[in-house]
């Protein structure tokens, strides 16, 4: 009887062992398929398979912890929980391995996986300790690379950049890292100044995305590299551009970020060339419209004549159609202001002194709205040439002096310091009661002076409306009404501020 029981028991034990073996075999196969799908960017089916691994291994760990496969099942379960973004569960699973085996390699691996989970939870100090234990022990080469990366990230969080840089630089194998983890590593390497290593990973991520459908994380990282390592980024992207058969969208992206690098390297001409190249193949694409915006901004900032600003209208028409709200808002605003500026310039250029005030208003727009100081100064000086005895001369003199550090180019007579001296002489020669001179010099004013200022501004608005009617058939000249005396305690509008009129 005893012998019969033993035989039956032996069969039962053998059968159970086969069941656990088969379950682990299936779990490992499913895990491998999940990793393959994850690396291919097929996240949803990968998550389903990781969940299957968690279910299969959980039965072994919970129902048969005495099995020789229990520790292996727990490790595979923890890896799958980490892959599916469940660090709390992974931490508990990895911590349980100590009660399932005394194998040193399994225990060291479990410490590393728990460390990865602790970092994702936010416990950087705990992660550092566990990962250090694992790295000091016996683990696979793949896990060593993974744990070095995670410890480096934890040490960044702990503000230990030199130790972090050492760990991250030693992470030579990325086979176990997902695309997101590779991006994290690239960003971390850039953060500690390891730009060459960061760029190698970054270029791999770029090359893997044929149509440049980059996520926000990679876009932000590329912008960071453009600021911190523009020359290195430009060189890396130049190599990518020689690859054959690149789609227009990919070309646009590479040229766009070369343009960003050129901007941050203070190579404006190169940046403009790259932005124009980004527009050439796919003007209406994401990067074509972004390049149009950046090119318009650069051309306006470095503008030396009114024509330089006028030429940006086509760029801004394209930029205004971007799907990027951060760009679209400013592009639409710039398009409106550049359009108004262009109309004003056309008015004074075609009619000279009869539309001189158009130059004055164009100068205000160039300076305050478009940040084009050289053009603003030139237009203020041109207005003084066209209307030397104008009641608004003080406004133009002050405007020109405001941009004394940025002399106008050759399209207008500007001798720099010599011109500034003449402007100050002109200002001093104005009548003491000139309302603009009083406002500029910030002298004490009474109600009569303030009223004169308001009347002068009203007359200027009316004059500008008359000029606007030359090119805008919808403009209507409103007849002046009785002037309301200003409240002595109310501060009048300062010269040069936007008066709210749509011109």
Protein backbone atom coordinates (compact mmCIF):
# COMPACT_ATOMS: atom_id res chain seq x y z
CA UNK A 1 0.00 0.00 0.00
CA UNK A 2 2.80 2.34 0.98
CA UNK A 3 4.65 1.56 -2.26
CA UNK A 4 1.49 2.25 -4.28
CA UNK A 5 0.99 5.64 -2.58
CA UNK A 6 4.57 6.62 -3.29
CA UNK A 7 4.15 5.68 -6.91
CA UNK A 8 1.00 7.72 -7.23
CA UNK A 9 2.64 10.62 -5.40
CA UNK A 10 5.68 10.49 -7.63
CA UNK A 11 3.48 10.64 -10.71
CA UNK A 12 1.60 13.57 -9.19
CA UNK A 13 4.81 15.46 -8.48
CA UNK A 14 6.14 14.76 -11.95
CA UNK A 15 2.85 15.90 -13.51
CA UNK A 16 2.89 19.14 -11.49
CA UNK A 17 6.49 19.82 -12.49
CA UNK A 18 5.55 19.41 -16.14
CA UNK A 19 2.64 21.80 -15.70
CA UNK A 20 4.92 24.50 -14.19
CA UNK A 21 7.52 23.93 -16.88
CA UNK A 22 4.93 24.31 -19.63
CA UNK A 23 3.45 27.40 -17.97
CA UNK A 24 6.89 29.06 -17.76
CA UNK A 25 7.68 28.06 -21.34
CA UNK A 26 4.48 29.71 -22.56
CA UNK A 27 5.09 32.78 -20.37
CA UNK A 28 8.60 33.25 -21.76
CA UNK A 29 7.40 32.92 -25.34
CA UNK A 30 4.62 35.44 -24.73
CA UNK A 31 7.03 37.81 -23.00
CA UNK A 32 9.40 37.66 -25.98
CA UNK A 33 6.55 38.44 -28.36
CA UNK A 34 5.45 41.35 -26.15
CA UNK A 35 8.96 42.83 -26.18
CA UNK A 36 9.13 42.48 -29.97
CA UNK A 37 5.81 44.29 -30.40
CA UNK A 38 6.85 47.03 -27.97
CA UNK A 39 10.06 47.69 -29.88
CA UNK A 40 8.08 47.84 -33.11
CA UNK A 41 5.91 50.58 -31.60
CA UNK A 42 2.80 48.39 -31.37
CA UNK A 43 2.01 49.33 -27.80
CA UNK A 44 -1.58 48.10 -27.47
CA UNK A 45 -0.96 44.46 -28.50
CA UNK A 46 2.25 44.48 -26.47
CA UNK A 47 0.32 45.47 -23.34
CA UNK A 48 -2.15 42.63 -23.91
CA UNK A 49 0.68 40.10 -24.05
CA UNK A 50 2.42 41.53 -21.00
CA UNK A 51 -0.88 41.18 -19.13
CA UNK A 52 -1.03 37.54 -20.22
CA UNK A 53 2.49 36.97 -18.85
CA UNK A 54 1.46 38.56 -15.55
CA UNK A 55 -1.57 36.25 -15.28
CA UNK A 56 0.40 33.08 -16.16
CA UNK A 57 3.29 33.79 -13.78
CA UNK A 58 1.02 34.96 -10.97
CA UNK A 59 -0.58 31.51 -10.77
CA UNK A 60 2.81 29.90 -10.19
CA UNK A 61 3.99 32.49 -7.64
CA UNK A 62 0.76 32.58 -5.62
CA UNK A 63 -0.49 29.01 -5.87
CA UNK A 64 2.83 27.13 -5.90
CA UNK A 65 5.55 29.24 -4.23
CA UNK A 66 7.45 26.03 -3.38
CA UNK A 67 7.98 25.30 -7.09
CA UNK A 68 11.52 25.57 -8.47
CA UNK A 69 10.03 27.87 -11.13
CA UNK A 70 8.49 30.32 -8.64
CA UNK A 71 11.47 32.73 -8.51
CA UNK A 72 11.80 32.79 -12.31
CA UNK A 73 8.06 33.38 -12.58
CA UNK A 74 8.24 36.29 -10.12
CA UNK A 75 11.11 37.91 -12.03
CA UNK A 76 9.24 37.61 -15.34
CA UNK A 77 6.10 38.97 -13.70
CA UNK A 78 7.99 41.99 -12.32
CA UNK A 79 9.47 42.73 -15.75
CA UNK A 80 6.02 42.59 -17.35
CA UNK A 81 4.53 44.85 -14.67
CA UNK A 82 7.30 47.38 -15.29
CA UNK A 83 6.68 47.20 -19.03
CA UNK A 84 2.98 47.94 -18.50
CA UNK A 85 3.59 50.90 -16.21
CA UNK A 86 2.74 49.23 -12.88
CA UNK A 87 5.79 50.04 -10.73
CA UNK A 88 4.05 49.53 -7.36
CA UNK A 89 3.05 45.99 -8.32
CA UNK A 90 6.51 45.32 -9.77
CA UNK A 91 8.16 46.49 -6.56
CA UNK A 92 6.06 44.08 -4.47
CA UNK A 93 6.66 41.19 -6.87
CA UNK A 94 10.44 41.71 -6.99
CA UNK A 95 10.63 42.02 -3.18
CA UNK A 96 8.90 38.65 -2.91
CA UNK A 97 11.72 36.81 -4.71
CA UNK A 98 13.74 36.69 -1.50
CA UNK A 99 11.18 34.31 -0.03
CA UNK A 100 11.18 32.04 -3.06
CA UNK A 101 14.87 31.28 -3.63
CA UNK A 102 18.36 31.59 -2.23
CA UNK A 103 20.02 31.76 -5.65
CA UNK A 104 22.36 34.76 -5.63
CA UNK A 105 21.84 35.66 -9.29
CA UNK A 106 18.04 35.68 -8.92
CA UNK A 107 18.28 37.76 -5.73
CA UNK A 108 20.59 40.32 -7.35
CA UNK A 109 18.32 40.56 -10.40
CA UNK A 110 15.28 40.99 -8.15
CA UNK A 111 17.04 43.83 -6.28
CA UNK A 112 17.69 45.57 -9.59
CA UNK A 113 14.10 45.22 -10.79
CA UNK A 114 12.82 46.50 -7.45
CA UNK A 115 15.23 49.43 -7.82
CA UNK A 116 13.81 50.22 -11.27
CA UNK A 117 10.31 50.15 -9.79
CA UNK A 118 11.31 52.34 -6.82
CA UNK A 119 12.72 54.97 -9.17
CA UNK A 120 9.53 55.03 -11.22
CA UNK A 121 7.53 55.46 -8.02
CA UNK A 122 9.69 58.43 -7.07
CA UNK A 123 11.97 56.90 -4.43
CA UNK A 124 15.31 57.85 -5.97
CA UNK A 125 17.35 57.10 -2.83
CA UNK A 126 15.81 53.65 -2.43
CA UNK A 127 16.34 52.97 -6.13
CA UNK A 128 20.01 53.98 -5.92
CA UNK A 129 20.61 51.58 -3.02
CA UNK A 130 18.86 48.60 -4.63
CA UNK A 131 20.42 49.16 -8.04
CA UNK A 132 23.89 49.47 -6.52
CA UNK A 133 23.38 46.13 -4.77
CA UNK A 134 22.35 44.54 -8.06
CA UNK A 135 25.25 46.05 -10.00
CA UNK A 136 27.70 44.78 -7.38
CA UNK A 137 26.31 41.27 -7.78
CA UNK A 138 25.92 38.65 -10.50
CA UNK A 139 23.51 39.73 -13.25
CA UNK A 140 23.21 39.41 -17.02
CA UNK A 141 24.86 41.90 -19.37
CA UNK A 142 21.43 43.09 -20.53
CA UNK A 143 20.30 43.77 -16.98
CA UNK A 144 23.60 45.50 -16.18
CA UNK A 145 22.98 48.00 -18.98
CA UNK A 146 19.38 48.52 -17.84
CA UNK A 147 20.32 48.96 -14.18
CA UNK A 148 23.19 51.34 -14.98
CA UNK A 149 20.77 53.50 -16.93
CA UNK A 150 18.20 53.47 -14.14
CA UNK A 151 20.79 54.23 -11.45
CA UNK A 152 22.11 57.09 -13.57
CA UNK A 153 18.61 58.52 -13.84
CA UNK A 154 18.09 58.10 -10.08
CA UNK A 155 21.35 59.90 -9.38
CA UNK A 156 20.26 62.74 -11.64
CA UNK A 157 17.15 63.03 -9.48
CA UNK A 158 19.40 63.03 -6.39
CA UNK A 159 21.46 65.88 -7.92
CA UNK A 160 24.64 63.82 -8.23
CA UNK A 161 25.42 64.65 -11.87
CA UNK A 162 29.00 63.36 -12.05
CA UNK A 163 28.07 59.91 -10.76
CA UNK A 164 25.03 59.96 -13.04
CA UNK A 165 27.19 60.81 -16.04
CA UNK A 166 29.51 57.88 -15.27
CA UNK A 167 26.61 55.43 -15.12
CA UNK A 168 24.91 56.74 -18.24
CA UNK A 169 28.11 56.78 -20.26
CA UNK A 170 28.70 53.13 -19.29
CA UNK A 171 25.30 52.09 -20.65
CA UNK A 172 26.51 50.65 -23.91
CA UNK A 173 23.76 48.20 -24.76
CA UNK A 174 20.25 49.40 -25.51
CA UNK A 175 18.65 46.15 -26.66
CA UNK A 176 16.51 45.93 -23.53
CA UNK A 177 15.44 49.57 -23.64
CA UNK A 178 12.17 50.66 -25.19
CA UNK A 179 12.00 53.68 -27.51
CA UNK A 180 10.81 55.77 -24.58
CA UNK A 181 13.67 54.54 -22.40
CA UNK A 182 16.15 55.34 -25.16
CA UNK A 183 14.78 58.84 -25.35
CA UNK A 184 15.07 59.13 -21.56
CA UNK A 185 18.68 58.02 -21.82
CA UNK A 186 19.41 60.48 -24.63
CA UNK A 187 17.89 63.33 -22.62
CA UNK A 188 19.75 62.31 -19.47
CA UNK A 189 23.07 62.17 -21.33
CA UNK A 190 22.44 65.66 -22.72
CA UNK A 191 21.59 66.91 -19.24
CA UNK A 192 25.02 65.89 -17.93
CA UNK A 193 26.85 67.21 -21.00
CA UNK A 194 27.42 63.87 -22.77
CA UNK A 195 26.25 65.32 -26.08
CA UNK A 196 28.04 62.91 -28.43
CA UNK A 197 26.52 59.89 -26.69
CA UNK A 198 23.15 61.61 -26.54
CA UNK A 199 23.28 62.39 -30.26
CA UNK A 200 24.10 58.80 -31.20
CA UNK A 201 20.91 57.66 -29.51
CA UNK A 202 18.94 60.61 -30.87
CA UNK A 203 19.97 59.92 -34.46
CA UNK A 204 18.87 56.28 -34.02
CA UNK A 205 15.45 57.50 -32.91
CA UNK A 206 15.24 59.89 -35.87
CA UNK A 207 16.35 57.25 -38.36
CA UNK A 208 13.73 54.79 -37.08
CA UNK A 209 10.92 57.25 -37.81
CA UNK A 210 10.66 57.38 -41.60
CA UNK A 211 8.08 60.17 -41.87
CA UNK A 212 9.29 62.28 -38.92
CA UNK A 213 6.14 61.79 -36.85
CA UNK A 214 8.12 62.71 -33.76
CA UNK A 215 6.43 62.81 -30.37
CA UNK A 216 6.57 65.86 -28.11
CA UNK A 217 9.34 64.32 -26.00
CA UNK A 218 11.70 63.90 -28.95
CA UNK A 219 10.81 67.34 -30.31
CA UNK A 220 11.62 68.95 -26.95
CA UNK A 221 14.89 67.00 -26.79
CA UNK A 222 15.91 68.12 -30.28
CA UNK A 223 15.19 71.71 -29.33
CA UNK A 224 17.35 71.25 -26.21
CA UNK A 225 20.22 69.92 -28.31
CA UNK A 226 19.82 72.83 -30.70
CA UNK A 227 20.33 75.19 -27.77
CA UNK A 228 23.07 73.33 -25.91
CA UNK A 229 25.02 71.62 -28.69
CA UNK A 230 24.04 73.33 -31.96
CA UNK A 231 27.20 72.52 -33.91
CA UNK A 232 27.13 68.84 -32.95
CA UNK A 233 23.42 68.56 -33.76
CA UNK A 234 23.90 70.24 -37.13
CA UNK A 235 26.70 67.82 -38.05
CA UNK A 236 24.65 64.79 -37.02
CA UNK A 237 21.60 65.90 -39.01
CA UNK A 238 23.75 66.72 -42.05
CA UNK A 239 24.82 63.06 -42.15
CA UNK A 240 21.19 61.94 -42.00
CA UNK A 241 20.28 64.22 -44.90
CA UNK A 242 22.49 62.30 -47.32
CA UNK A 243 20.49 59.11 -46.81
CA UNK A 244 18.74 58.20 -50.11
CA UNK A 245 15.00 58.21 -50.59
CA UNK A 246 14.00 60.40 -47.65
CA UNK A 247 10.35 61.55 -47.80
CA UNK A 248 9.70 65.29 -48.03
CA UNK A 249 8.35 65.36 -44.48
CA UNK A 250 11.56 63.82 -43.16
CA UNK A 251 13.68 66.26 -45.17
CA UNK A 252 11.60 69.13 -43.81
CA UNK A 253 12.15 67.98 -40.23
CA UNK A 254 15.92 67.58 -40.63
CA UNK A 255 16.29 70.99 -42.30
CA UNK A 256 14.05 72.60 -39.69
CA UNK A 257 16.20 71.43 -36.78
CA UNK A 258 19.37 72.38 -38.64
CA UNK A 259 17.80 75.82 -38.84
CA UNK A 260 17.16 75.81 -35.09
CA UNK A 261 20.77 74.81 -34.52
CA UNK A 262 21.94 77.60 -36.81
CA UNK A 263 19.90 80.13 -34.86
CA UNK A 264 21.41 79.08 -31.55
CA UNK A 265 24.89 79.06 -33.06
CA UNK A 266 24.24 82.69 -34.12
CA UNK A 267 24.64 81.69 -37.77
CA UNK A 268 21.58 83.52 -39.05
CA UNK A 269 22.34 83.12 -42.74
CA UNK A 270 22.70 79.35 -42.40
CA UNK A 271 19.51 79.17 -40.33
CA UNK A 272 17.55 81.05 -43.00
CA UNK A 273 18.94 78.78 -45.73
CA UNK A 274 17.87 75.68 -43.82
CA UNK A 275 14.42 77.09 -43.06
CA UNK A 276 13.92 77.84 -46.74
CA UNK A 277 14.98 74.27 -47.55
CA UNK A 278 12.46 72.96 -45.01
CA UNK A 279 9.72 74.93 -46.78
CA UNK A 280 10.77 73.93 -50.28
CA UNK A 281 9.63 70.31 -50.26
CA UNK A 282 6.60 70.45 -47.98
CA UNK A 283 5.63 74.05 -47.32
CA UNK A 284 2.28 73.15 -45.71
CA UNK A 285 3.65 70.34 -43.56
CA UNK A 286 4.23 70.59 -39.83
CA UNK A 287 7.88 71.50 -40.27
CA UNK A 288 7.31 73.63 -43.37
CA UNK A 289 4.91 75.92 -41.54
CA UNK A 290 7.13 76.01 -38.45
CA UNK A 291 10.12 76.88 -40.63
CA UNK A 292 8.10 79.64 -42.30
CA UNK A 293 7.36 81.15 -38.90
CA UNK A 294 10.97 80.95 -37.69
CA UNK A 295 12.24 82.40 -40.97
CA UNK A 296 9.79 85.30 -40.78
CA UNK A 297 10.79 86.07 -37.19
CA UNK A 298 14.48 85.99 -38.07
CA UNK A 299 14.03 88.19 -41.14
CA UNK A 300 12.05 90.73 -39.14
CA UNK A 301 14.58 90.78 -36.28
CA UNK A 302 17.50 91.37 -38.64
CA UNK A 303 15.58 93.68 -41.00
CA UNK A 304 17.46 96.81 -42.05
CA UNK A 305 14.89 98.30 -44.42
CA UNK A 306 11.08 98.32 -44.72
CA UNK A 307 11.32 95.97 -47.70
CA UNK A 308 12.87 93.26 -45.52
CA UNK A 309 9.73 93.22 -43.39
CA UNK A 310 7.33 93.43 -46.34
CA UNK A 311 8.97 90.34 -47.87
CA UNK A 312 7.93 88.22 -44.85
CA UNK A 313 4.22 88.38 -45.74
CA UNK A 314 4.30 85.15 -47.77
CA UNK A 315 6.13 83.36 -44.95
CA UNK A 316 3.53 84.44 -42.42
CA UNK A 317 0.66 83.41 -44.69
CA UNK A 318 2.07 79.89 -44.58
CA UNK A 319 2.93 80.00 -40.88
CA UNK A 320 -0.59 81.08 -39.93
CA UNK A 321 -1.90 77.75 -41.27
CA UNK A 322 0.17 75.64 -38.88
CA UNK A 323 -1.58 73.18 -36.59
CA UNK A 324 0.78 74.12 -33.76
CA UNK A 325 -1.23 76.53 -31.56
CA UNK A 326 1.88 77.99 -29.96
CA UNK A 327 3.11 79.13 -33.40
CA UNK A 328 -0.27 79.87 -34.96
CA UNK A 329 -1.27 82.53 -32.42
CA UNK A 330 1.85 84.63 -32.92
CA UNK A 331 1.96 83.98 -36.67
CA UNK A 332 -1.56 85.35 -37.11
CA UNK A 333 -0.68 88.40 -35.00
CA UNK A 334 2.49 89.04 -37.00
CA UNK A 335 0.67 88.56 -40.30
CA UNK A 336 -1.83 91.27 -39.34
CA UNK A 337 0.86 93.71 -38.18
CA UNK A 338 3.13 93.08 -41.16
CA UNK A 339 0.14 93.57 -43.49
CA UNK A 340 -0.67 96.91 -41.87
CA UNK A 341 3.00 97.90 -41.91
CA UNK A 342 3.23 97.06 -45.62
CA UNK A 343 0.18 99.19 -46.48
CA UNK A 344 1.56 102.15 -44.54
CA UNK A 345 4.96 101.86 -46.23
CA UNK A 346 3.30 101.69 -49.65
CA UNK A 347 1.25 104.80 -48.81
CA UNK A 348 4.18 107.02 -47.84
CA UNK A 349 6.47 105.66 -50.58
CA UNK A 350 3.91 106.40 -53.30
CA UNK A 351 2.68 109.78 -51.97
CA UNK A 352 5.67 111.23 -50.14
CA UNK A 353 4.96 114.15 -47.84
CA UNK A 354 1.21 113.98 -48.50
CA UNK A 355 1.15 110.69 -46.58
CA UNK A 356 4.13 111.33 -44.30
CA UNK A 357 2.28 110.24 -41.16
CA UNK A 358 2.10 106.73 -42.58
CA UNK A 359 5.87 106.54 -42.03
CA UNK A 360 5.39 107.66 -38.42
CA UNK A 361 2.82 104.95 -37.72
CA UNK A 362 4.90 102.34 -39.59
CA UNK A 363 7.85 103.24 -37.36
CA UNK A 364 5.75 102.63 -34.25
CA UNK A 365 4.65 99.22 -35.55
CA UNK A 366 8.20 98.24 -36.53
CA UNK A 367 9.52 99.12 -33.09
CA UNK A 368 6.82 98.06 -30.64
CA UNK A 369 5.01 95.26 -32.49
CA UNK A 370 7.68 93.70 -34.70
CA UNK A 371 10.90 94.29 -32.74
CA UNK A 372 12.72 95.63 -35.81
CA UNK A 373 14.64 98.57 -34.25
CA UNK A 374 16.80 99.51 -37.25
CA UNK A 375 13.75 99.83 -39.46
CA UNK A 376 11.85 101.75 -36.77
CA UNK A 377 14.66 104.27 -36.37
CA UNK A 378 14.97 104.69 -40.13
CA UNK A 379 11.25 105.39 -40.51
CA UNK A 380 11.25 107.97 -37.72
CA UNK A 381 14.14 109.73 -39.47
CA UNK A 382 12.39 109.49 -42.84
CA UNK A 383 9.28 111.09 -41.32
CA UNK A 384 11.37 114.02 -40.08
CA UNK A 385 12.73 114.43 -43.63
CA UNK A 386 9.24 114.34 -45.14
CA UNK A 387 7.56 116.61 -42.57
CA UNK A 388 10.21 118.69 -40.73
CA UNK A 389 7.68 121.20 -39.37
CA UNK A 390 5.13 118.59 -38.29
CA UNK A 391 3.14 119.02 -35.05
CA UNK A 392 4.22 115.43 -34.32
CA UNK A 393 7.95 116.05 -34.82
CA UNK A 394 8.73 115.59 -31.11
CA UNK A 395 7.13 112.16 -31.23
CA UNK A 396 9.36 111.17 -34.17
CA UNK A 397 12.50 112.65 -32.59
CA UNK A 398 11.93 110.76 -29.37
CA UNK A 399 11.20 107.56 -31.32
CA UNK A 400 14.46 107.83 -33.27
CA UNK A 401 16.46 108.49 -30.07
CA UNK A 402 14.83 105.47 -28.45
CA UNK A 403 16.74 103.28 -30.94
CA UNK A 404 20.03 105.16 -30.78
CA UNK A 405 21.96 101.89 -30.31
CA UNK A 406 20.72 100.51 -33.64
CA UNK A 407 21.48 102.97 -36.44
CA UNK A 408 19.45 102.64 -39.63
CA UNK A 409 20.99 101.21 -42.78
CA UNK A 410 21.91 103.10 -45.93
CA UNK A 411 18.35 103.65 -47.21
CA UNK A 412 18.12 106.71 -44.90
CA UNK A 413 20.71 109.24 -43.73
CA UNK A 414 21.86 108.10 -40.27
CA UNK A 415 25.29 109.00 -38.91
CA UNK A 416 24.75 107.39 -35.54
CA UNK A 417 26.03 109.63 -32.73
CA UNK A 418 26.12 112.67 -35.01
CA UNK A 419 22.47 112.14 -35.94
CA UNK A 420 21.56 111.70 -32.27
CA UNK A 421 23.17 115.05 -31.45
CA UNK A 422 21.15 116.75 -34.19
CA UNK A 423 17.96 115.11 -32.92
CA UNK A 424 18.56 116.44 -29.40
CA UNK A 425 19.15 119.90 -30.84
CA UNK A 426 15.86 119.65 -32.76
CA UNK A 427 14.07 118.58 -29.61
CA UNK A 428 15.53 121.48 -27.63
CA UNK A 429 14.51 123.93 -30.39
CA UNK A 430 10.84 122.97 -30.20
CA UNK A 431 8.36 125.29 -28.55
CA UNK A 432 8.27 124.90 -24.76
CA UNK A 433 4.52 124.30 -24.98
CA UNK A 434 4.78 121.42 -27.43
CA UNK A 435 2.59 118.72 -25.76
CA UNK A 436 4.83 115.88 -26.92
CA UNK A 437 7.97 117.60 -25.68
CA UNK A 438 6.33 118.13 -22.29
CA UNK A 439 5.24 114.47 -22.19
CA UNK A 440 8.69 113.22 -23.15
CA UNK A 441 10.49 115.44 -20.65
CA UNK A 442 7.94 114.45 -17.97
CA UNK A 443 7.44 118.03 -16.83
CA UNK A 444 4.54 119.04 -14.60
CA UNK A 445 1.36 119.39 -16.62
CA UNK A 446 -1.97 121.01 -16.11
CA UNK A 447 -5.34 120.28 -17.68
CA UNK A 448 -4.67 122.61 -20.59
CA UNK A 449 -1.43 120.81 -21.50
CA UNK A 450 -3.11 117.43 -21.23
CA UNK A 451 -5.92 118.66 -23.42
CA UNK A 452 -3.40 119.81 -26.03
CA UNK A 453 -1.80 116.35 -25.95
CA UNK A 454 -5.16 114.64 -26.45
CA UNK A 455 -6.03 116.98 -29.31
CA UNK A 456 -2.69 116.28 -30.98
CA UNK A 457 -3.23 112.52 -30.69
CA UNK A 458 -6.78 112.88 -32.01
CA UNK A 459 -5.55 114.86 -34.99
CA UNK A 460 -2.90 112.20 -35.67
CA UNK A 461 -5.50 109.45 -35.58
CA UNK A 462 -7.69 111.41 -37.98
CA UNK A 463 -4.75 111.99 -40.30
CA UNK A 464 -3.93 108.28 -40.28
CA UNK A 465 -7.53 107.42 -41.07
CA UNK A 466 -7.36 109.73 -44.08
CA UNK A 467 -4.23 107.91 -45.25
CA UNK A 468 -5.84 104.54 -44.61
CA UNK A 469 -8.69 105.50 -46.92
CA UNK A 470 -6.11 105.62 -49.72
CA UNK A 471 -5.69 101.85 -49.61
CA UNK A 472 -8.69 100.56 -47.63
CA UNK A 473 -12.10 101.20 -49.19
CA UNK A 474 -13.86 100.05 -46.01
CA UNK A 475 -12.34 102.81 -43.89
CA UNK A 476 -14.76 105.58 -42.88
CA UNK A 477 -13.65 109.00 -41.73
CA UNK A 478 -15.53 109.89 -38.54
CA UNK A 479 -16.31 113.57 -38.10
CA UNK A 480 -14.71 115.06 -34.98
CA UNK A 481 -16.98 115.75 -32.02
CA UNK A 482 -16.65 118.22 -29.19
CA UNK A 483 -13.46 117.55 -27.31
CA UNK A 484 -13.92 116.30 -23.76
CA UNK A 485 -11.49 117.84 -21.32
CA UNK A 486 -9.42 115.14 -19.62
CA UNK A 487 -9.50 114.46 -15.92
CA UNK A 488 -6.36 116.09 -14.44
CA UNK A 489 -5.80 112.98 -12.29
CA UNK A 490 -5.93 110.62 -15.28
CA UNK A 491 -2.65 109.81 -17.02
CA UNK A 492 -2.89 110.51 -20.78
CA UNK A 493 -1.74 107.99 -23.33
CA UNK A 494 2.02 108.02 -23.86
CA UNK A 495 3.63 108.66 -27.21
CA UNK A 496 4.20 105.53 -29.22
CA UNK A 497 1.60 103.32 -27.52
CA UNK A 498 -0.91 101.36 -29.59
CA UNK A 499 -4.04 103.49 -29.82
CA UNK A 500 -6.32 100.54 -30.49
CA UNK A 501 -7.18 101.71 -34.03
CA UNK A 502 -6.82 98.93 -36.59
CA UNK A 503 -4.07 100.52 -38.60
